[in-house]
């Protein structure tokens, strides 16, 4: 039940407002002087203050009320205050509303208007406090996450991304493949870097291959290497990405673009850790953590026969789904600030 503090030297005003508010499930406390009101504010949980503007006998200047309002405003800047007086000075009312007063009502007051104002202000105050508590909690959780893990300088603020980061950091130390899915531009490679930075192979190499940026006939050579003469232009042997990533992490971006022949060889490496270079019969052994990413619908590709179901099973031991930026509005301002910084 919300609580309203009434600061008025007239006991009848306190009784009348107490009766009015009690009929609408609002508790009321009454203070007869500014000092008593400030003491109650310090000791009680107050949602709104209704204060008189004059407390001394034969005083109509409103100076006492202005002084009290400024003290309340200084100590409790978010607490709504309604000013109530029989001596209405328009200039004073305008000045105090500009200074933050919620409303300025004359005596005798209109019950319906006063009640509507109090109800709206109390609901708004409760909503603002709930929001402030949520924002504070999210900030604490964000600080804890940033202190506990290496997030590679990621710029973020939205809780939707925090959930992905929590999971990414938790699974980083597990030696299992991870599939990162989400639209283009959501930061899939950065999440892969975070997984590497918090894994047991964080000191090993982090090798990236964009499967969508290479001709299909060259992807196998890029992945597994090639011996001299394996294809036109291969004048000398070269190691592939798996050899380069030995003891570390291999990030396969746009995994949905990998041709079926390459998918079969990749499946074998995931199962055994062994592979042959293109044009070679010698088997090689590596220890590589594979993190892959795609914006494609791999399930639809499986139905179309363009992606192996058994490979998806191997890659998708843990899936991290990155939400689009439109679903992370809290990240927009921090990202814009970061991009526009000199």
Protein backbone atom coordinates (compact mmCIF):
# COMPACT_ATOMS: atom_id res chain seq x y z
CA UNK A 1 0.00 0.00 0.00
CA UNK A 2 1.47 3.40 -0.97
CA UNK A 3 2.04 5.98 1.76
CA UNK A 4 1.44 9.73 1.49
CA UNK A 5 2.96 12.19 3.95
CA UNK A 6 0.80 15.24 4.72
CA UNK A 7 2.75 18.20 6.18
CA UNK A 8 0.23 20.79 7.39
CA UNK A 9 -0.16 22.63 10.69
CA UNK A 10 -3.96 22.29 10.43
CA UNK A 11 -4.97 18.97 12.01
CA UNK A 12 -8.34 19.08 10.21
CA UNK A 13 -6.57 18.96 6.85
CA UNK A 14 -4.67 15.86 7.92
CA UNK A 15 -7.86 14.13 9.08
CA UNK A 16 -9.77 15.00 5.89
CA UNK A 17 -7.02 13.74 3.60
CA UNK A 18 -6.50 10.63 5.71
CA UNK A 19 -10.19 9.74 5.31
CA UNK A 20 -10.10 10.45 1.56
CA UNK A 21 -7.03 8.32 0.94
CA UNK A 22 -8.15 5.45 3.21
CA UNK A 23 -11.18 4.96 0.95
CA UNK A 24 -8.77 4.29 -1.92
CA UNK A 25 -6.21 2.01 -0.25
CA UNK A 26 -3.64 4.75 0.34
CA UNK A 27 -2.03 5.11 3.76
CA UNK A 28 -1.48 8.62 5.16
CA UNK A 29 0.91 10.04 7.74
CA UNK A 30 0.47 13.54 9.18
CA UNK A 31 3.13 15.99 10.33
CA UNK A 32 2.21 19.37 11.84
CA UNK A 33 5.52 21.12 11.09
CA UNK A 34 8.36 21.04 8.57
CA UNK A 35 10.71 19.57 11.19
CA UNK A 36 8.30 16.74 11.99
CA UNK A 37 7.77 16.11 8.28
CA UNK A 38 11.49 15.85 7.57
CA UNK A 39 11.88 13.46 10.50
CA UNK A 40 9.13 11.20 9.12
CA UNK A 41 10.74 11.28 5.68
CA UNK A 42 13.97 10.08 7.23
CA UNK A 43 12.34 7.20 9.10
CA UNK A 44 9.46 6.04 6.89
CA UNK A 45 9.03 4.80 3.33
CA UNK A 46 7.11 7.65 1.71
CA UNK A 47 5.75 7.60 -1.85
CA UNK A 48 4.50 11.18 -2.07
CA UNK A 49 4.38 14.39 -0.02
CA UNK A 50 1.50 16.88 0.22
CA UNK A 51 2.76 20.01 1.95
CA UNK A 52 1.25 23.28 3.05
CA UNK A 53 2.99 26.56 2.16
CA UNK A 54 2.49 28.39 5.48
CA UNK A 55 2.98 27.04 9.00
CA UNK A 56 3.21 30.05 11.33
CA UNK A 57 0.10 31.90 12.44
CA UNK A 58 -0.88 34.92 10.35
CA UNK A 59 1.73 34.05 7.69
CA UNK A 60 0.73 34.07 4.01
CA UNK A 61 4.01 34.68 2.17
CA UNK A 62 4.64 31.01 1.40
CA UNK A 63 8.32 31.37 2.30
CA UNK A 64 8.14 28.56 4.86
CA UNK A 65 6.68 26.24 2.25
CA UNK A 66 9.33 27.20 -0.31
CA UNK A 67 12.07 26.48 2.22
CA UNK A 68 10.53 23.10 3.11
CA UNK A 69 10.11 22.16 -0.54
CA UNK A 70 13.75 22.96 -1.29
CA UNK A 71 14.91 20.82 1.64
CA UNK A 72 12.80 17.88 0.48
CA UNK A 73 13.98 18.34 -3.09
CA UNK A 74 17.62 18.42 -2.02
CA UNK A 75 17.37 15.27 0.12
CA UNK A 76 14.88 13.27 -1.99
CA UNK A 77 15.14 14.53 -5.59
CA UNK A 78 12.87 11.82 -7.01
CA UNK A 79 10.08 12.15 -4.43
CA UNK A 80 6.94 13.82 -5.88
CA UNK A 81 5.67 16.82 -3.89
CA UNK A 82 2.22 18.44 -4.19
CA UNK A 83 1.92 21.97 -2.85
CA UNK A 84 -1.33 22.88 -1.08
CA UNK A 85 -2.30 26.31 0.28
CA UNK A 86 -5.21 28.63 0.90
CA UNK A 87 -3.07 31.58 -0.20
CA UNK A 88 -2.32 31.03 -3.86
CA UNK A 89 0.48 33.08 -5.39
CA UNK A 90 0.71 32.31 -9.10
CA UNK A 91 4.33 33.42 -9.45
CA UNK A 92 5.43 31.22 -6.57
CA UNK A 93 3.49 28.27 -7.99
CA UNK A 94 5.14 28.63 -11.40
CA UNK A 95 8.61 28.91 -9.87
CA UNK A 96 8.19 25.83 -7.70
CA UNK A 97 6.71 23.74 -10.50
CA UNK A 98 9.74 24.71 -12.59
CA UNK A 99 11.91 23.62 -9.65
CA UNK A 100 10.29 20.20 -9.67
CA UNK A 101 7.03 20.35 -7.75
CA UNK A 102 4.53 17.82 -9.10
CA UNK A 103 1.47 20.07 -8.71
CA UNK A 104 0.13 23.16 -6.94
CA UNK A 105 -3.46 22.98 -5.61
CA UNK A 106 -5.50 25.58 -3.75
CA UNK A 107 -7.53 25.03 -0.60
CA UNK A 108 -10.28 23.94 -0.55
CA UNK A 109 -9.14 21.22 -2.95
CA UNK A 110 -11.17 19.17 -5.41
CA UNK A 111 -11.18 15.59 -4.13
CA UNK A 112 -11.34 14.01 -7.59
CA UNK A 113 -8.50 16.08 -8.99
CA UNK A 114 -6.33 15.58 -5.91
CA UNK A 115 -6.97 11.84 -5.84
CA UNK A 116 -6.25 11.48 -9.57
CA UNK A 117 -3.00 13.42 -9.21
CA UNK A 118 -1.88 11.40 -6.19
CA UNK A 119 -2.74 8.07 -7.84
CA UNK A 120 -0.90 8.93 -11.05
CA UNK A 121 2.18 10.21 -9.23
CA UNK A 122 2.35 7.20 -6.91
CA UNK A 123 2.07 4.76 -9.82
CA UNK A 124 4.70 6.67 -11.77
CA UNK A 125 7.01 6.75 -8.78
CA UNK A 126 6.63 3.02 -8.18
CA UNK A 127 7.33 2.32 -11.86
CA UNK A 128 10.40 4.55 -11.77
CA UNK A 129 11.73 2.83 -8.65
CA UNK A 130 11.18 -0.58 -10.19
CA UNK A 131 13.00 0.57 -13.31
CA UNK A 132 15.87 2.02 -11.27
CA UNK A 133 16.18 -1.24 -9.32
CA UNK A 134 16.23 -3.25 -12.56
CA UNK A 135 18.81 -0.97 -14.15
CA UNK A 136 20.94 -1.14 -11.00
CA UNK A 137 20.73 -4.92 -10.94
CA UNK A 138 21.66 -5.16 -14.62
CA UNK A 139 24.64 -2.86 -14.09
CA UNK A 140 25.87 -4.97 -11.17
CA UNK A 141 25.50 -8.16 -13.20
CA UNK A 142 27.32 -6.53 -16.12
CA UNK A 143 30.21 -5.44 -13.89
CA UNK A 144 30.44 -8.92 -12.39
CA UNK A 145 30.53 -10.48 -15.86
CA UNK A 146 33.20 -8.04 -17.07
CA UNK A 147 35.31 -8.62 -13.94
CA UNK A 148 35.04 -12.39 -14.10
CA UNK A 149 35.66 -12.94 -17.83
CA UNK A 150 37.70 -11.53 -20.69
CA UNK A 151 35.11 -10.00 -23.01
CA UNK A 152 37.67 -8.71 -25.53
CA UNK A 153 36.52 -5.12 -25.23
CA UNK A 154 32.98 -5.91 -26.36
CA UNK A 155 30.65 -2.88 -26.35
CA UNK A 156 27.27 -3.89 -24.98
CA UNK A 157 24.58 -3.07 -22.44
CA UNK A 158 21.41 -4.99 -23.32
CA UNK A 159 20.31 -7.91 -21.10
CA UNK A 160 19.51 -9.97 -24.21
CA UNK A 161 23.19 -10.05 -25.12
CA UNK A 162 24.19 -10.57 -21.49
CA UNK A 163 22.41 -13.92 -21.48
CA UNK A 164 24.38 -15.00 -24.55
CA UNK A 165 27.64 -13.83 -22.99
CA UNK A 166 26.91 -15.69 -19.76
CA UNK A 167 26.40 -18.92 -21.67
CA UNK A 168 29.39 -18.32 -23.95
CA UNK A 169 31.72 -17.79 -20.98
CA UNK A 170 30.32 -20.80 -19.14
CA UNK A 171 30.84 -23.18 -22.08
CA UNK A 172 34.20 -21.69 -23.05
CA UNK A 173 36.15 -24.09 -20.83
CA UNK A 174 34.31 -27.15 -22.14
CA UNK A 175 36.21 -28.77 -25.00
CA UNK A 176 33.19 -29.11 -27.28
CA UNK A 177 32.22 -27.53 -30.62
CA UNK A 178 30.04 -24.42 -30.47
CA UNK A 179 27.70 -23.16 -33.19
CA UNK A 180 26.91 -19.43 -33.16
CA UNK A 181 23.81 -18.44 -35.11
CA UNK A 182 22.26 -15.07 -35.84
CA UNK A 183 21.81 -12.42 -38.53
CA UNK A 184 24.71 -10.69 -40.25
CA UNK A 185 26.41 -8.01 -38.20
CA UNK A 186 25.42 -9.31 -34.76
CA UNK A 187 28.99 -9.99 -33.62
CA UNK A 188 29.39 -13.73 -34.11
CA UNK A 189 33.15 -13.51 -34.61
CA UNK A 190 33.53 -11.42 -31.46
CA UNK A 191 31.63 -14.07 -29.48
CA UNK A 192 34.00 -16.68 -30.91
CA UNK A 193 36.95 -14.57 -29.71
CA UNK A 194 35.41 -14.40 -26.24
CA UNK A 195 35.03 -18.19 -26.18
CA UNK A 196 38.70 -18.54 -27.14
CA UNK A 197 39.84 -15.94 -24.57
CA UNK A 198 38.13 -17.80 -21.70
CA UNK A 199 38.91 -21.35 -22.82
CA UNK A 200 41.62 -23.77 -21.75
CA UNK A 201 43.44 -22.99 -25.02
CA UNK A 202 43.33 -19.21 -24.60
CA UNK A 203 47.10 -19.02 -25.19
CA UNK A 204 46.83 -20.98 -28.43
CA UNK A 205 46.18 -19.56 -31.91
CA UNK A 206 42.81 -18.18 -32.96
CA UNK A 207 42.40 -18.87 -36.67
CA UNK A 208 39.52 -17.57 -38.77
CA UNK A 209 38.21 -18.93 -42.06
CA UNK A 210 35.26 -17.35 -43.82
CA UNK A 211 33.79 -20.23 -45.77
CA UNK A 212 31.62 -17.82 -47.75
CA UNK A 213 34.55 -15.74 -49.05
CA UNK A 214 36.36 -18.52 -50.95
CA UNK A 215 35.55 -20.43 -54.14
CA UNK A 216 34.18 -23.87 -53.30
CA UNK A 217 37.15 -25.59 -54.99
CA UNK A 218 39.61 -23.87 -52.66
CA UNK A 219 37.86 -24.36 -49.32
CA UNK A 220 39.28 -27.85 -48.75
CA UNK A 221 42.81 -26.64 -49.42
CA UNK A 222 42.25 -23.74 -46.99
CA UNK A 223 40.92 -26.06 -44.31
CA UNK A 224 43.28 -28.99 -44.61
CA UNK A 225 46.26 -27.66 -46.58
CA UNK A 226 47.66 -28.96 -49.85
CA UNK A 227 50.80 -30.66 -51.08
CA UNK A 228 52.75 -29.29 -54.01
CA UNK A 229 50.97 -30.03 -57.28
CA UNK A 230 47.64 -30.83 -55.60
CA UNK A 231 45.93 -28.30 -57.86
CA UNK A 232 46.84 -25.82 -60.55
CA UNK A 233 49.12 -23.17 -59.12
CA UNK A 234 50.11 -25.19 -56.03
CA UNK A 235 53.86 -24.93 -56.57
CA UNK A 236 54.71 -25.76 -52.97
CA UNK A 237 53.13 -27.44 -49.97
CA UNK A 238 51.10 -25.29 -47.62
CA UNK A 239 49.47 -25.93 -44.29
CA UNK A 240 45.74 -25.46 -43.82
CA UNK A 241 43.74 -23.75 -41.15
CA UNK A 242 43.48 -26.88 -39.01
CA UNK A 243 47.26 -27.17 -38.79
CA UNK A 244 47.58 -23.44 -38.13
CA UNK A 245 45.00 -23.70 -35.31
CA UNK A 246 46.58 -26.76 -33.64
CA UNK A 247 46.47 -26.20 -29.89
CA UNK A 248 43.96 -23.38 -30.24
CA UNK A 249 40.62 -22.46 -31.80
CA UNK A 250 39.44 -22.55 -35.42
CA UNK A 251 36.53 -20.24 -36.19
CA UNK A 252 34.59 -21.29 -39.28
CA UNK A 253 32.38 -18.40 -40.35
CA UNK A 254 29.52 -18.96 -42.82
CA UNK A 255 29.74 -22.71 -42.26
CA UNK A 256 26.63 -23.18 -44.38
CA UNK A 257 28.72 -22.33 -47.48
CA UNK A 258 30.99 -25.35 -47.03
CA UNK A 259 30.51 -27.76 -49.98
CA UNK A 260 29.38 -31.32 -49.28
CA UNK A 261 32.83 -32.81 -49.97
CA UNK A 262 34.37 -30.45 -47.45
CA UNK A 263 31.58 -31.20 -44.99
CA UNK A 264 32.43 -34.90 -45.07
CA UNK A 265 36.11 -34.23 -44.37
CA UNK A 266 35.25 -31.74 -41.64
CA UNK A 267 33.01 -34.33 -40.00
CA UNK A 268 35.90 -36.80 -39.92
CA UNK A 269 38.21 -34.25 -38.31
CA UNK A 270 35.61 -33.47 -35.65
CA UNK A 271 35.22 -37.18 -34.93
CA UNK A 272 38.90 -38.22 -34.95
CA UNK A 273 41.11 -35.12 -35.08
CA UNK A 274 42.76 -36.59 -38.19
CA UNK A 275 42.87 -35.41 -41.81
CA UNK A 276 44.98 -35.46 -44.97
CA UNK A 277 46.20 -32.52 -46.95
CA UNK A 278 44.79 -32.14 -50.45
CA UNK A 279 46.89 -34.34 -52.74
CA UNK A 280 48.44 -36.26 -49.85
CA UNK A 281 47.87 -39.71 -48.36
CA UNK A 282 49.69 -38.95 -45.11
CA UNK A 283 47.36 -38.62 -42.16
CA UNK A 284 47.90 -35.72 -39.79
CA UNK A 285 46.70 -35.31 -36.19
CA UNK A 286 45.65 -32.02 -34.58
CA UNK A 287 43.95 -30.84 -31.39
CA UNK A 288 41.63 -27.98 -32.34
CA UNK A 289 38.55 -26.39 -30.71
CA UNK A 290 36.07 -25.69 -33.52
CA UNK A 291 33.67 -22.78 -33.24
CA UNK A 292 31.44 -22.23 -36.27
CA UNK A 293 28.90 -19.58 -37.21
CA UNK A 294 26.15 -19.06 -39.73
CA UNK A 295 23.21 -16.86 -40.58
CA UNK A 296 21.68 -19.66 -42.68
CA UNK A 297 18.85 -21.98 -41.74
CA UNK A 298 20.87 -25.20 -41.50
CA UNK A 299 17.77 -27.29 -40.77
CA UNK A 300 16.27 -26.13 -44.09
CA UNK A 301 19.55 -26.88 -45.85
CA UNK A 302 19.47 -30.40 -44.44
CA UNK A 303 15.98 -30.90 -45.85
CA UNK A 304 17.23 -29.57 -49.21
CA UNK A 305 20.18 -31.98 -49.16
CA UNK A 306 22.85 -29.25 -49.13
CA UNK A 307 24.05 -29.73 -45.55
CA UNK A 308 24.85 -32.94 -43.69
CA UNK A 309 22.68 -33.69 -40.69
CA UNK A 310 25.47 -35.64 -38.96
CA UNK A 311 27.79 -32.65 -39.34
CA UNK A 312 25.23 -30.32 -37.78
CA UNK A 313 24.92 -32.78 -34.91
CA UNK A 314 28.69 -32.52 -34.37
CA UNK A 315 28.88 -28.74 -34.73
CA UNK A 316 25.76 -28.03 -32.69
CA UNK A 317 26.83 -29.55 -29.37
CA UNK A 318 26.16 -26.10 -27.92
CA UNK A 319 24.31 -23.41 -29.87
CA UNK A 320 24.54 -19.72 -29.07
CA UNK A 321 21.79 -17.68 -30.71
CA UNK A 322 22.73 -14.04 -31.11
CA UNK A 323 19.70 -11.72 -31.28
CA UNK A 324 19.56 -9.06 -33.97
CA UNK A 325 20.39 -5.50 -32.94
CA UNK A 326 16.68 -4.65 -33.26
CA UNK A 327 16.07 -7.07 -30.37
CA UNK A 328 18.86 -5.43 -28.30
CA UNK A 329 17.85 -1.76 -28.09
CA UNK A 330 20.05 -1.24 -25.05
CA UNK A 331 23.12 -1.81 -27.23
CA UNK A 332 22.31 0.85 -29.83
CA UNK A 333 23.49 3.94 -27.93
CA UNK A 334 26.74 2.39 -26.60
CA UNK A 335 27.60 1.09 -30.07
CA UNK A 336 26.83 4.43 -31.72
CA UNK A 337 28.95 6.24 -29.13
CA UNK A 338 31.80 3.80 -29.72
CA UNK A 339 31.63 4.12 -33.51
CA UNK A 340 31.48 7.93 -33.43
CA UNK A 341 34.23 8.38 -30.85
CA UNK A 342 37.28 10.25 -32.25
